[in-house]
Amino acid sequence: MSADTPEQTVQEQTPGASAAPGEGSPPEEQAPTAVVGDGDVAGDGDAAEIEGDLDVRNFLGISDGARPGFTEIRAKACVKAPGTSEQKLKELCTYVQDTSPVKDALANPVPVTTTLEVIG
C-alpha cells in the first residue's frame, strides 16, 4: 500500500440461518424470531454485511497523523421474511439500532481501560 492511497475498505459478511429451527442446525445458526409491535417477524436465511473505511498508515508506522480507527462503518441487513411487511421489517431494524449495545458503544465515546500483566 502506498501513502498516496491510505483509505482501505474492510468488509465482513456474516451469513445467517439457512435451516429452520428443529432441522438439525445448532441454535446459534437457527433463524431468530423477534416481536415488533403486535406481530412476529421470522427471519429465513438472514445475513449481515459490515464494511468500514480505515486508514492504516498510523498502524503500520507510515504516518503519525492518521487516525488509527475507522472513519466510517456501514452495516447492511439482508433479510428474507415471507409474509412480513416491509414496514414491520423497518420497525425491527429501527428497534435493533436503538437498543444495540454495540452500536451505542461505537457511536458514543466509551472509556477504555487497558492493563498489562507481565507473566514470568
PDB file of N, CA and C in Angstrom:
ATOM      1  N   MET A   1       0.853  -1.175   0.000  1.00  0.00           N
ATOM      2  CA  MET A   1       0.000   0.000   0.000  1.00  0.00           C
ATOM      3  C   MET A   1       0.891   1.228   0.000  1.00  0.00           C
ATOM      4  N   SER A   2       0.574   2.202  -0.846  1.00  0.00           N
ATOM      5  CA  SER A   2       1.363   3.421  -0.864  1.00  0.00           C
ATOM      6  C   SER A   2       0.724   4.481   0.004  1.00  0.00           C
ATOM      7  N   ALA A   3       1.509   5.487   0.386  1.00  0.00           N
ATOM      8  CA  ALA A   3       0.994   6.579   1.212  1.00  0.00           C
ATOM      9  C   ALA A   3      -0.007   7.414   0.439  1.00  0.00           C
ATOM     10  N   ASP A   4      -0.025   7.290  -0.903  1.00  0.00           N
ATOM     11  CA  ASP A   4      -0.975   8.046  -1.719  1.00  0.00           C
ATOM     12  C   ASP A   4      -2.383   7.463  -1.657  1.00  0.00           C
ATOM     13  N   THR A   5      -2.526   6.215  -1.288  1.00  0.00           N
ATOM     14  CA  THR A   5      -3.838   5.576  -1.226  1.00  0.00           C
ATOM     15  C   THR A   5      -4.045   4.944   0.145  1.00  0.00           C
ATOM     16  N   PRO A   6      -4.208   5.771   1.182  1.00  0.00           N
ATOM     17  CA  PRO A   6      -4.257   5.233   2.538  1.00  0.00           C
ATOM     18  C   PRO A   6      -5.610   4.653   2.932  1.00  0.00           C
ATOM     19  N   GLU A   7      -6.673   5.054   2.289  1.00  0.00           N
ATOM     20  CA  GLU A   7      -8.012   4.650   2.722  1.00  0.00           C
ATOM     21  C   GLU A   7      -8.306   3.226   2.242  1.00  0.00           C
ATOM     22  N   GLN A   8      -8.629   2.364   3.153  1.00  0.00           N
ATOM     23  CA  GLN A   8      -8.943   0.986   2.832  1.00  0.00           C
ATOM     24  C   GLN A   8     -10.371   0.693   3.254  1.00  0.00           C
ATOM     25  N   THR A   9     -11.023  -0.202   2.557  1.00  0.00           N
ATOM     26  CA  THR A   9     -12.358  -0.638   2.949  1.00  0.00           C
ATOM     27  C   THR A   9     -12.245  -2.054   3.474  1.00  0.00           C
ATOM     28  N   VAL A  10     -12.767  -2.271   4.666  1.00  0.00           N
ATOM     29  CA  VAL A  10     -12.752  -3.579   5.304  1.00  0.00           C
ATOM     30  C   VAL A  10     -14.171  -4.103   5.277  1.00  0.00           C
ATOM     31  N   GLN A  11     -14.358  -5.319   4.814  1.00  0.00           N
ATOM     32  CA  GLN A  11     -15.701  -5.888   4.743  1.00  0.00           C
ATOM     33  C   GLN A  11     -15.763  -7.185   5.530  1.00  0.00           C
ATOM     34  N   GLU A  12     -16.894  -7.398   6.195  1.00  0.00           N
ATOM     35  CA  GLU A  12     -17.151  -8.630   6.933  1.00  0.00           C
ATOM     36  C   GLU A  12     -18.560  -9.057   6.579  1.00  0.00           C
ATOM     37  N   GLN A  13     -18.721 -10.289   6.157  1.00  0.00           N
ATOM     38  CA  GLN A  13     -20.044 -10.802   5.868  1.00  0.00           C
ATOM     39  C   GLN A  13     -20.347 -11.931   6.827  1.00  0.00           C
ATOM     40  N   THR A  14     -21.532 -11.884   7.404  1.00  0.00           N
ATOM     41  CA  THR A  14     -21.956 -12.902   8.350  1.00  0.00           C
ATOM     42  C   THR A  14     -23.186 -13.585   7.805  1.00  0.00           C
ATOM     43  N   PRO A  15     -23.045 -14.805   7.311  1.00  0.00           N
ATOM     44  CA  PRO A  15     -24.236 -15.484   6.822  1.00  0.00           C
ATOM     45  C   PRO A  15     -25.155 -15.834   7.978  1.00  0.00           C
ATOM     46  N   GLY A  16     -26.419 -15.800   7.725  1.00  0.00           N
ATOM     47  CA  GLY A  16     -27.394 -16.097   8.772  1.00  0.00           C
ATOM     48  C   GLY A  16     -27.852 -17.533   8.695  1.00  0.00           C
ATOM     49  N   ALA A  17     -28.990 -17.759   9.270  1.00  0.00           N
ATOM     50  CA  ALA A  17     -29.536 -19.100   9.359  1.00  0.00           C
ATOM     51  C   ALA A  17     -30.008 -19.582   8.003  1.00  0.00           C
ATOM     52  N   SER A  18     -29.753 -20.835   7.722  1.00  0.00           N
ATOM     53  CA  SER A  18     -30.262 -21.405   6.484  1.00  0.00           C
ATOM     54  C   SER A  18     -31.252 -22.527   6.766  1.00  0.00           C
ATOM     55  N   ALA A  19     -31.331 -22.967   7.992  1.00  0.00           N
ATOM     56  CA  ALA A  19     -32.256 -24.031   8.358  1.00  0.00           C
ATOM     57  C   ALA A  19     -33.256 -23.509   9.379  1.00  0.00           C
ATOM     58  N   ALA A  20     -34.436 -24.038   9.311  1.00  0.00           N
ATOM     59  CA  ALA A  20     -35.463 -23.646  10.272  1.00  0.00           C
ATOM     60  C   ALA A  20     -35.179 -24.323  11.603  1.00  0.00           C
ATOM     61  N   PRO A  21     -35.665 -23.743  12.703  1.00  0.00           N
ATOM     62  CA  PRO A  21     -35.464 -24.382  13.999  1.00  0.00           C
ATOM     63  C   PRO A  21     -35.940 -25.834  13.979  1.00  0.00           C
ATOM     64  N   GLY A  22     -35.137 -26.691  14.588  1.00  0.00           N
ATOM     65  CA  GLY A  22     -35.516 -28.097  14.665  1.00  0.00           C
ATOM     66  C   GLY A  22     -35.070 -28.919  13.481  1.00  0.00           C
ATOM     67  N   GLU A  23     -34.356 -28.328  12.505  1.00  0.00           N
ATOM     68  CA  GLU A  23     -33.917 -29.070  11.337  1.00  0.00           C
ATOM     69  C   GLU A  23     -32.459 -29.482  11.433  1.00  0.00           C
ATOM     70  N   GLY A  24     -31.952 -29.665  12.650  1.00  0.00           N
ATOM     71  CA  GLY A  24     -30.614 -30.175  12.830  1.00  0.00           C
ATOM     72  C   GLY A  24     -29.517 -29.143  12.932  1.00  0.00           C
ATOM     73  N   SER A  25     -29.813 -27.859  12.739  1.00  0.00           N
ATOM     74  CA  SER A  25     -28.769 -26.856  12.864  1.00  0.00           C
ATOM     75  C   SER A  25     -28.626 -26.436  14.320  1.00  0.00           C
ATOM     76  N   PRO A  26     -27.397 -26.059  14.731  1.00  0.00           N
ATOM     77  CA  PRO A  26     -27.202 -25.599  16.110  1.00  0.00           C
ATOM     78  C   PRO A  26     -28.061 -24.360  16.372  1.00  0.00           C
ATOM     79  N   PRO A  27     -28.428 -24.099  17.643  1.00  0.00           N
ATOM     80  CA  PRO A  27     -29.281 -22.955  17.970  1.00  0.00           C
ATOM     81  C   PRO A  27     -28.746 -21.625  17.462  1.00  0.00           C
ATOM     82  N   GLU A  28     -27.407 -21.435  17.483  1.00  0.00           N
ATOM     83  CA  GLU A  28     -26.861 -20.159  17.032  1.00  0.00           C
ATOM     84  C   GLU A  28     -27.003 -19.961  15.528  1.00  0.00           C
ATOM     85  N   GLU A  29     -27.315 -21.040  14.770  1.00  0.00           N
ATOM     86  CA  GLU A  29     -27.497 -20.922  13.335  1.00  0.00           C
ATOM     87  C   GLU A  29     -28.961 -20.923  12.930  1.00  0.00           C
ATOM     88  N   GLN A  30     -29.858 -21.053  13.889  1.00  0.00           N
ATOM     89  CA  GLN A  30     -31.274 -21.081  13.568  1.00  0.00           C
ATOM     90  C   GLN A  30     -31.810 -19.672  13.404  1.00  0.00           C
ATOM     91  N   ALA A  31     -32.819 -19.541  12.556  1.00  0.00           N
ATOM     92  CA  ALA A  31     -33.402 -18.235  12.280  1.00  0.00           C
ATOM     93  C   ALA A  31     -34.016 -17.639  13.534  1.00  0.00           C
ATOM     94  N   PRO A  32     -33.679 -16.384  13.844  1.00  0.00           N
ATOM     95  CA  PRO A  32     -34.246 -15.744  15.030  1.00  0.00           C
ATOM     96  C   PRO A  32     -35.665 -15.255  14.768  1.00  0.00           C
ATOM     97  N   THR A  33     -36.422 -15.144  15.817  1.00  0.00           N
ATOM     98  CA  THR A  33     -37.745 -14.546  15.744  1.00  0.00           C
ATOM     99  C   THR A  33     -37.761 -13.362  16.683  1.00  0.00           C
ATOM    100  N   ALA A  34     -38.258 -12.238  16.210  1.00  0.00           N
ATOM    101  CA  ALA A  34     -38.322 -11.042  17.032  1.00  0.00           C
ATOM    102  C   ALA A  34     -39.742 -10.517  17.031  1.00  0.00           C
ATOM    103  N   VAL A  35     -40.177  -9.976  18.146  1.00  0.00           N
ATOM    104  CA  VAL A  35     -41.506  -9.406  18.247  1.00  0.00           C
ATOM    105  C   VAL A  35     -41.408  -7.907  18.017  1.00  0.00           C
ATOM    106  N   VAL A  36     -42.151  -7.421  17.042  1.00  0.00           N
ATOM    107  CA  VAL A  36     -42.188  -5.998  16.731  1.00  0.00           C
ATOM    108  C   VAL A  36     -43.638  -5.574  16.750  1.00  0.00           C
ATOM    109  N   GLY A  37     -43.966  -4.656  17.643  1.00  0.00           N
ATOM    110  CA  GLY A  37     -45.356  -4.206  17.729  1.00  0.00           C
ATOM    111  C   GLY A  37     -46.249  -5.355  18.130  1.00  0.00           C
ATOM    112  N   ASP A  38     -47.236  -5.638  17.299  1.00  0.00           N
ATOM    113  CA  ASP A  38     -48.198  -6.684  17.633  1.00  0.00           C
ATOM    114  C   ASP A  38     -47.999  -7.965  16.828  1.00  0.00           C
ATOM    115  N   GLY A  39     -46.865  -8.095  16.108  1.00  0.00           N
ATOM    116  CA  GLY A  39     -46.674  -9.295  15.299  1.00  0.00           C
ATOM    117  C   GLY A  39     -45.270  -9.831  15.387  1.00  0.00           C
ATOM    118  N   ASP A  40     -45.105 -11.079  14.969  1.00  0.00           N
ATOM    119  CA  ASP A  40     -43.792 -11.719  14.958  1.00  0.00           C
ATOM    120  C   ASP A  40     -43.155 -11.567  13.592  1.00  0.00           C
ATOM    121  N   VAL A  41     -41.829 -11.487  13.580  1.00  0.00           N
ATOM    122  CA  VAL A  41     -41.058 -11.459  12.350  1.00  0.00           C
ATOM    123  C   VAL A  41     -40.112 -12.642  12.421  1.00  0.00           C
ATOM    124  N   ALA A  42     -40.260 -13.591  11.515  1.00  0.00           N
ATOM    125  CA  ALA A  42     -39.383 -14.757  11.497  1.00  0.00           C
ATOM    126  C   ALA A  42     -38.433 -14.629  10.325  1.00  0.00           C
ATOM    127  N   GLY A  43     -37.128 -14.594  10.621  1.00  0.00           N
ATOM    128  CA  GLY A  43     -36.132 -14.498   9.573  1.00  0.00           C
ATOM    129  C   GLY A  43     -35.871 -15.856   8.955  1.00  0.00           C
ATOM    130  N   ASP A  44     -35.591 -15.870   7.656  1.00  0.00           N
ATOM    131  CA  ASP A  44     -35.319 -17.110   6.941  1.00  0.00           C
ATOM    132  C   ASP A  44     -34.150 -16.854   5.997  1.00  0.00           C
ATOM    133  N   GLY A  45     -32.953 -17.205   6.412  1.00  0.00           N
ATOM    134  CA  GLY A  45     -31.792 -17.001   5.566  1.00  0.00           C
ATOM    135  C   GLY A  45     -31.245 -15.590   5.647  1.00  0.00           C
ATOM    136  N   ASP A  46     -31.232 -15.003   6.831  1.00  0.00           N
ATOM    137  CA  ASP A  46     -30.755 -13.638   7.015  1.00  0.00           C
ATOM    138  C   ASP A  46     -29.228 -13.570   6.922  1.00  0.00           C
ATOM    139  N   ALA A  47     -28.715 -12.384   6.599  1.00  0.00           N
ATOM    140  CA  ALA A  47     -27.274 -12.153   6.551  1.00  0.00           C
ATOM    141  C   ALA A  47     -27.003 -10.699   6.903  1.00  0.00           C
ATOM    142  N   ALA A  48     -25.793 -10.437   7.346  1.00  0.00           N
ATOM    143  CA  ALA A  48     -25.380  -9.066   7.648  1.00  0.00           C
ATOM    144  C   ALA A  48     -24.077  -8.783   6.929  1.00  0.00           C
ATOM    145  N   GLU A  49     -23.957  -7.569   6.417  1.00  0.00           N
ATOM    146  CA  GLU A  49     -22.719  -7.129   5.789  1.00  0.00           C
ATOM    147  C   GLU A  49     -22.245  -5.896   6.544  1.00  0.00           C
ATOM    148  N   ILE A  50     -21.008  -5.927   6.985  1.00  0.00           N
ATOM    149  CA  ILE A  50     -20.412  -4.806   7.698  1.00  0.00           C
ATOM    150  C   ILE A  50     -19.181  -4.384   6.909  1.00  0.00           C
ATOM    151  N   GLU A  51     -19.075  -3.083   6.618  1.00  0.00           N
ATOM    152  CA  GLU A  51     -17.876  -2.585   5.964  1.00  0.00           C
ATOM    153  C   GLU A  51     -17.524  -1.234   6.545  1.00  0.00           C
ATOM    154  N   GLY A  52     -16.268  -0.887   6.446  1.00  0.00           N
ATOM    155  CA  GLY A  52     -15.844   0.385   7.005  1.00  0.00           C
ATOM    156  C   GLY A  52     -14.589   0.882   6.337  1.00  0.00           C
ATOM    157  N   ASP A  53     -14.337   2.169   6.520  1.00  0.00           N
ATOM    158  CA  ASP A  53     -13.161   2.812   5.957  1.00  0.00           C
ATOM    159  C   ASP A  53     -12.120   2.970   7.064  1.00  0.00           C
ATOM    160  N   LEU A  54     -10.904   2.549   6.764  1.00  0.00           N
ATOM    161  CA  LEU A  54      -9.837   2.515   7.747  1.00  0.00           C
ATOM    162  C   LEU A  54      -8.542   2.985   7.102  1.00  0.00           C
ATOM    163  N   ASP A  55      -7.906   3.977   7.686  1.00  0.00           N
ATOM    164  CA  ASP A  55      -6.607   4.469   7.234  1.00  0.00           C
ATOM    165  C   ASP A  55      -5.552   3.772   8.095  1.00  0.00           C
ATOM    166  N   VAL A  56      -4.788   2.861   7.501  1.00  0.00           N
ATOM    167  CA  VAL A  56      -3.858   2.034   8.267  1.00  0.00           C
ATOM    168  C   VAL A  56      -2.441   2.615   8.360  1.00  0.00           C
ATOM    169  N   ARG A  57      -2.231   3.833   7.858  1.00  0.00           N
ATOM    170  CA  ARG A  57      -0.876   4.406   7.873  1.00  0.00           C
ATOM    171  C   ARG A  57      -0.309   4.516   9.284  1.00  0.00           C
ATOM    172  N   ASN A  58      -1.093   4.969  10.256  1.00  0.00           N
ATOM    173  CA  ASN A  58      -0.613   5.097  11.630  1.00  0.00           C
ATOM    174  C   ASN A  58      -0.264   3.716  12.194  1.00  0.00           C
ATOM    175  N   PHE A  59      -1.136   2.755  12.004  1.00  0.00           N
ATOM    176  CA  PHE A  59      -0.928   1.394  12.496  1.00  0.00           C
ATOM    177  C   PHE A  59       0.347   0.773  11.927  1.00  0.00           C
ATOM    178  N   LEU A  60       0.626   1.063  10.661  1.00  0.00           N
ATOM    179  CA  LEU A  60       1.814   0.499  10.010  1.00  0.00           C
ATOM    180  C   LEU A  60       3.065   1.342  10.215  1.00  0.00           C
ATOM    181  N   GLY A  61       2.938   2.473  10.919  1.00  0.00           N
ATOM    182  CA  GLY A  61       4.087   3.326  11.187  1.00  0.00           C
ATOM    183  C   GLY A  61       4.478   4.199  10.015  1.00  0.00           C
ATOM    184  N   ILE A  62       3.615   4.352   9.036  1.00  0.00           N
ATOM    185  CA  ILE A  62       3.911   5.168   7.860  1.00  0.00           C
ATOM    186  C   ILE A  62       3.673   6.650   8.149  1.00  0.00           C
ATOM    187  N   SER A  63       2.692   6.958   8.995  1.00  0.00           N
ATOM    188  CA  SER A  63       2.335   8.337   9.303  1.00  0.00           C
ATOM    189  C   SER A  63       1.851   8.432  10.736  1.00  0.00           C
ATOM    190  N   ASP A  64       2.256   9.489  11.440  1.00  0.00           N
ATOM    191  CA  ASP A  64       1.788   9.697  12.804  1.00  0.00           C
ATOM    192  C   ASP A  64       0.458  10.432  12.853  1.00  0.00           C
ATOM    193  N   GLY A  65       0.072  11.107  11.765  1.00  0.00           N
ATOM    194  CA  GLY A  65      -1.109  11.966  11.782  1.00  0.00           C
ATOM    195  C   GLY A  65      -2.426  11.270  11.525  1.00  0.00           C
ATOM    196  N   ALA A  66      -2.397  10.102  10.928  1.00  0.00           N
ATOM    197  CA  ALA A  66      -3.642   9.426  10.582  1.00  0.00           C
ATOM    198  C   ALA A  66      -4.315   8.863  11.831  1.00  0.00           C
ATOM    199  N   ARG A  67      -5.619   9.007  11.900  1.00  0.00           N
ATOM    200  CA  ARG A  67      -6.382   8.414  12.999  1.00  0.00           C
ATOM    201  C   ARG A  67      -6.322   6.892  12.853  1.00  0.00           C
ATOM    202  N   PRO A  68      -6.029   6.152  13.936  1.00  0.00           N
ATOM    203  CA  PRO A  68      -5.866   4.709  13.803  1.00  0.00           C
ATOM    204  C   PRO A  68      -7.178   3.929  13.711  1.00  0.00           C
ATOM    205  N   GLY A  69      -8.304   4.593  13.873  1.00  0.00           N
ATOM    206  CA  GLY A  69      -9.584   3.878  13.856  1.00  0.00           C
ATOM    207  C   GLY A  69     -10.346   4.067  12.565  1.00  0.00           C
ATOM    208  N   PHE A  70     -11.501   3.437  12.517  1.00  0.00           N
ATOM    209  CA  PHE A  70     -12.381   3.570  11.361  1.00  0.00           C
ATOM    210  C   PHE A  70     -12.903   4.997  11.259  1.00  0.00           C
ATOM    211  N   THR A  71     -13.000   5.508  10.040  1.00  0.00           N
ATOM    212  CA  THR A  71     -13.592   6.825   9.820  1.00  0.00           C
ATOM    213  C   THR A  71     -15.080   6.712   9.519  1.00  0.00           C
ATOM    214  N   GLU A  72     -15.507   5.542   9.109  1.00  0.00           N
ATOM    215  CA  GLU A  72     -16.937   5.276   8.889  1.00  0.00           C
ATOM    216  C   GLU A  72     -17.162   3.770   8.913  1.00  0.00           C
ATOM    217  N   ILE A  73     -18.287   3.352   9.487  1.00  0.00           N
ATOM    218  CA  ILE A  73     -18.693   1.950   9.484  1.00  0.00           C
ATOM    219  C   ILE A  73     -20.107   1.900   8.928  1.00  0.00           C
ATOM    220  N   ARG A  74     -20.317   0.989   7.990  1.00  0.00           N
ATOM    221  CA  ARG A  74     -21.632   0.829   7.370  1.00  0.00           C
ATOM    222  C   ARG A  74     -22.121  -0.602   7.605  1.00  0.00           C
ATOM    223  N   ALA A  75     -23.359  -0.734   8.001  1.00  0.00           N
ATOM    224  CA  ALA A  75     -23.954  -2.051   8.239  1.00  0.00           C
ATOM    225  C   ALA A  75     -25.156  -2.217   7.325  1.00  0.00           C
ATOM    226  N   LYS A  76     -25.308  -3.408   6.784  1.00  0.00           N
ATOM    227  CA  LYS A  76     -26.429  -3.714   5.901  1.00  0.00           C
ATOM    228  C   LYS A  76     -27.022  -5.048   6.336  1.00  0.00           C
ATOM    229  N   ALA A  77     -28.302  -5.053   6.606  1.00  0.00           N
ATOM    230  CA  ALA A  77     -29.005  -6.285   6.958  1.00  0.00           C
ATOM    231  C   ALA A  77     -29.753  -6.779   5.728  1.00  0.00           C
ATOM    232  N   CYS A  78     -29.577  -8.037   5.401  1.00  0.00           N
ATOM    233  CA  CYS A  78     -30.273  -8.664   4.280  1.00  0.00           C
ATOM    234  C   CYS A  78     -31.214  -9.706   4.874  1.00  0.00           C
ATOM    235  N   VAL A  79     -32.501  -9.494   4.718  1.00  0.00           N
ATOM    236  CA  VAL A  79     -33.463 -10.388   5.342  1.00  0.00           C
ATOM    237  C   VAL A  79     -34.426 -10.972   4.326  1.00  0.00           C
ATOM    238  N   LYS A  80     -34.838 -12.179   4.608  1.00  0.00           N
ATOM    239  CA  LYS A  80     -35.879 -12.850   3.860  1.00  0.00           C
ATOM    240  C   LYS A  80     -36.920 -13.246   4.898  1.00  0.00           C
ATOM    241  N   ALA A  81     -38.055 -12.585   4.867  1.00  0.00           N
ATOM    242  CA  ALA A  81     -39.096 -12.836   5.859  1.00  0.00           C
ATOM    243  C   ALA A  81     -40.448 -12.897   5.158  1.00  0.00           C
ATOM    244  N   PRO A  82     -40.743 -14.034   4.540  1.00  0.00           N
ATOM    245  CA  PRO A  82     -42.011 -14.170   3.822  1.00  0.00           C
ATOM    246  C   PRO A  82     -43.202 -13.859   4.731  1.00  0.00           C
ATOM    247  N   GLY A  83     -44.137 -13.104   4.208  1.00  0.00           N
ATOM    248  CA  GLY A  83     -45.332 -12.781   4.969  1.00  0.00           C
ATOM    249  C   GLY A  83     -45.177 -11.609   5.915  1.00  0.00           C
ATOM    250  N   THR A  84     -43.995 -10.974   5.942  1.00  0.00           N
ATOM    251  CA  THR A  84     -43.769  -9.829   6.818  1.00  0.00           C
ATOM    252  C   THR A  84     -43.658  -8.585   5.955  1.00  0.00           C
ATOM    253  N   SER A  85     -44.380  -7.553   6.305  1.00  0.00           N
ATOM    254  CA  SER A  85     -44.372  -6.334   5.511  1.00  0.00           C
ATOM    255  C   SER A  85     -43.033  -5.611   5.630  1.00  0.00           C
ATOM    256  N   GLU A  86     -42.726  -4.804   4.628  1.00  0.00           N
ATOM    257  CA  GLU A  86     -41.503  -4.009   4.659  1.00  0.00           C
ATOM    258  C   GLU A  86     -41.539  -3.032   5.836  1.00  0.00           C
ATOM    259  N   GLN A  87     -42.723  -2.517   6.156  1.00  0.00           N
ATOM    260  CA  GLN A  87     -42.870  -1.603   7.283  1.00  0.00           C
ATOM    261  C   GLN A  87     -42.485  -2.295   8.594  1.00  0.00           C
ATOM    262  N   LYS A  88     -42.944  -3.534   8.811  1.00  0.00           N
ATOM    263  CA  LYS A  88     -42.580  -4.285  10.027  1.00  0.00           C
ATOM    264  C   LYS A  88     -41.075  -4.500  10.103  1.00  0.00           C
ATOM    265  N   LEU A  89     -40.455  -4.806   8.958  1.00  0.00           N
ATOM    266  CA  LEU A  89     -39.009  -5.026   8.941  1.00  0.00           C
ATOM    267  C   LEU A  89     -38.257  -3.727   9.238  1.00  0.00           C
ATOM    268  N   LYS A  90     -38.757  -2.610   8.743  1.00  0.00           N
ATOM    269  CA  LYS A  90     -38.140  -1.318   9.054  1.00  0.00           C
ATOM    270  C   LYS A  90     -38.273  -1.007  10.545  1.00  0.00           C
ATOM    271  N   GLU A  91     -39.424  -1.331  11.137  1.00  0.00           N
ATOM    272  CA  GLU A  91     -39.616  -1.134  12.577  1.00  0.00           C
ATOM    273  C   GLU A  91     -38.625  -1.983  13.369  1.00  0.00           C
ATOM    274  N   LEU A  92     -38.432  -3.228  12.939  1.00  0.00           N
ATOM    275  CA  LEU A  92     -37.475  -4.111  13.604  1.00  0.00           C
ATOM    276  C   LEU A  92     -36.058  -3.555  13.480  1.00  0.00           C
ATOM    277  N   CYS A  93     -35.703  -3.086  12.297  1.00  0.00           N
ATOM    278  CA  CYS A  93     -34.373  -2.521  12.070  1.00  0.00           C
ATOM    279  C   CYS A  93     -34.139  -1.308  12.976  1.00  0.00           C
ATOM    280  N   THR A  94     -35.123  -0.450  13.088  1.00  0.00           N
ATOM    281  CA  THR A  94     -35.016   0.727  13.952  1.00  0.00           C
ATOM    282  C   THR A  94     -34.885   0.309  15.412  1.00  0.00           C
ATOM    283  N   TYR A  95     -35.692  -0.663  15.823  1.00  0.00           N
ATOM    284  CA  TYR A  95     -35.645  -1.148  17.208  1.00  0.00           C
ATOM    285  C   TYR A  95     -34.258  -1.714  17.535  1.00  0.00           C
ATOM    286  N   VAL A  96     -33.725  -2.522  16.636  1.00  0.00           N
ATOM    287  CA  VAL A  96     -32.407  -3.131  16.871  1.00  0.00           C
ATOM    288  C   VAL A  96     -31.339  -2.046  16.978  1.00  0.00           C
ATOM    289  N   GLN A  97     -31.385  -1.049  16.108  1.00  0.00           N
ATOM    290  CA  GLN A  97     -30.404   0.042  16.172  1.00  0.00           C
ATOM    291  C   GLN A  97     -30.530   0.825  17.471  1.00  0.00           C
ATOM    292  N   ASP A  98     -31.764   1.084  17.900  1.00  0.00           N
ATOM    293  CA  ASP A  98     -31.994   1.873  19.114  1.00  0.00           C
ATOM    294  C   ASP A  98     -31.583   1.146  20.384  1.00  0.00           C
ATOM    295  N   THR A  99     -31.556  -0.190  20.360  1.00  0.00           N
ATOM    296  CA  THR A  99     -31.273  -0.964  21.570  1.00  0.00           C
ATOM    297  C   THR A  99     -29.947  -1.719  21.519  1.00  0.00           C
ATOM    298  N   SER A 100     -29.173  -1.541  20.462  1.00  0.00           N
ATOM    299  CA  SER A 100     -27.923  -2.283  20.288  1.00  0.00           C
ATOM    300  C   SER A 100     -26.799  -1.722  21.154  1.00  0.00           C
ATOM    301  N   PRO A 101     -26.257  -2.518  22.080  1.00  0.00           N
ATOM    302  CA  PRO A 101     -25.118  -2.065  22.877  1.00  0.00           C
ATOM    303  C   PRO A 101     -23.876  -1.825  22.010  1.00  0.00           C
ATOM    304  N   VAL A 102     -23.709  -2.606  20.954  1.00  0.00           N
ATOM    305  CA  VAL A 102     -22.540  -2.441  20.087  1.00  0.00           C
ATOM    306  C   VAL A 102     -22.636  -1.122  19.329  1.00  0.00           C
ATOM    307  N   LYS A 103     -23.793  -0.839  18.733  1.00  0.00           N
ATOM    308  CA  LYS A 103     -23.953   0.432  18.019  1.00  0.00           C
ATOM    309  C   LYS A 103     -23.771   1.605  18.975  1.00  0.00           C
ATOM    310  N   ASP A 104     -24.319   1.485  20.175  1.00  0.00           N
ATOM    311  CA  ASP A 104     -24.182   2.559  21.150  1.00  0.00           C
ATOM    312  C   ASP A 104     -22.713   2.802  21.499  1.00  0.00           C
ATOM    313  N   ALA A 105     -21.957   1.725  21.712  1.00  0.00           N
ATOM    314  CA  ALA A 105     -20.543   1.871  22.070  1.00  0.00           C
ATOM    315  C   ALA A 105     -19.729   2.457  20.924  1.00  0.00           C
ATOM    316  N   LEU A 106     -20.107   2.133  19.678  1.00  0.00           N
ATOM    317  CA  LEU A 106     -19.391   2.677  18.529  1.00  0.00           C
ATOM    318  C   LEU A 106     -19.752   4.138  18.271  1.00  0.00           C
ATOM    319  N   ALA A 107     -21.005   4.504  18.544  1.00  0.00           N
ATOM    320  CA  ALA A 107     -21.489   5.855  18.240  1.00  0.00           C
ATOM    321  C   ALA A 107     -21.197   6.862  19.342  1.00  0.00           C
ATOM    322  N   ASN A 108     -20.916   6.400  20.545  1.00  0.00           N
ATOM    323  CA  ASN A 108     -20.702   7.293  21.681  1.00  0.00           C
ATOM    324  C   ASN A 108     -19.358   6.992  22.338  1.00  0.00           C
ATOM    325  N   PRO A 109     -18.678   8.035  22.811  1.00  0.00           N
ATOM    326  CA  PRO A 109     -17.394   7.788  23.486  1.00  0.00           C
ATOM    327  C   PRO A 109     -17.572   6.869  24.699  1.00  0.00           C
ATOM    328  N   VAL A 110     -16.727   5.871  24.770  1.00  0.00           N
ATOM    329  CA  VAL A 110     -16.750   4.919  25.886  1.00  0.00           C
ATOM    330  C   VAL A 110     -15.333   4.838  26.454  1.00  0.00           C
ATOM    331  N   PRO A 111     -15.178   5.008  27.762  1.00  0.00           N
ATOM    332  CA  PRO A 111     -13.831   4.881  28.335  1.00  0.00           C
ATOM    333  C   PRO A 111     -13.277   3.473  28.103  1.00  0.00           C
ATOM    334  N   VAL A 112     -12.032   3.413  27.746  1.00  0.00           N
ATOM    335  CA  VAL A 112     -11.357   2.133  27.535  1.00  0.00           C
ATOM    336  C   VAL A 112     -10.192   2.064  28.515  1.00  0.00           C
ATOM    337  N   THR A 113     -10.140   1.002  29.284  1.00  0.00           N
ATOM    338  CA  THR A 113      -9.051   0.791  30.236  1.00  0.00           C
ATOM    339  C   THR A 113      -8.240  -0.410  29.786  1.00  0.00           C
ATOM    340  N   THR A 114      -6.944  -0.226  29.675  1.00  0.00           N
ATOM    341  CA  THR A 114      -6.059  -1.311  29.267  1.00  0.00           C
ATOM    342  C   THR A 114      -5.090  -1.585  30.408  1.00  0.00           C
ATOM    343  N   THR A 115      -4.921  -2.843  30.727  1.00  0.00           N
ATOM    344  CA  THR A 115      -3.942  -3.230  31.743  1.00  0.00           C
ATOM    345  C   THR A 115      -2.944  -4.205  31.112  1.00  0.00           C
ATOM    346  N   LEU A 116      -1.779  -4.230  31.666  1.00  0.00           N
ATOM    347  CA  LEU A 116      -0.752  -5.159  31.205  1.00  0.00           C
ATOM    348  C   LEU A 116      -0.338  -6.010  32.385  1.00  0.00           C
ATOM    349  N   GLU A 117      -0.414  -7.304  32.195  1.00  0.00           N
ATOM    350  CA  GLU A 117       0.050  -8.222  33.228  1.00  0.00           C
ATOM    351  C   GLU A 117       1.230  -8.995  32.628  1.00  0.00           C
ATOM    352  N   VAL A 118       2.405  -8.771  33.164  1.00  0.00           N
ATOM    353  CA  VAL A 118       3.605  -9.434  32.694  1.00  0.00           C
ATOM    354  C   VAL A 118       3.753 -10.742  33.463  1.00  0.00           C
ATOM    355  N   ILE A 119       3.813 -11.833  32.759  1.00  0.00           N
ATOM    356  CA  ILE A 119       3.892 -13.155  33.372  1.00  0.00           C
ATOM    357  C   ILE A 119       5.291 -13.703  33.158  1.00  0.00           C
ATOM    358  N   GLY A 120       5.847 -14.243  34.216  1.00  0.00           N
ATOM    359  CA  GLY A 120       7.102 -14.962  34.090  1.00  0.00           C
ATOM    360  C   GLY A 120       8.284 -14.186  34.350  1.00  0.00           C
TER     361      GLY A 120
END
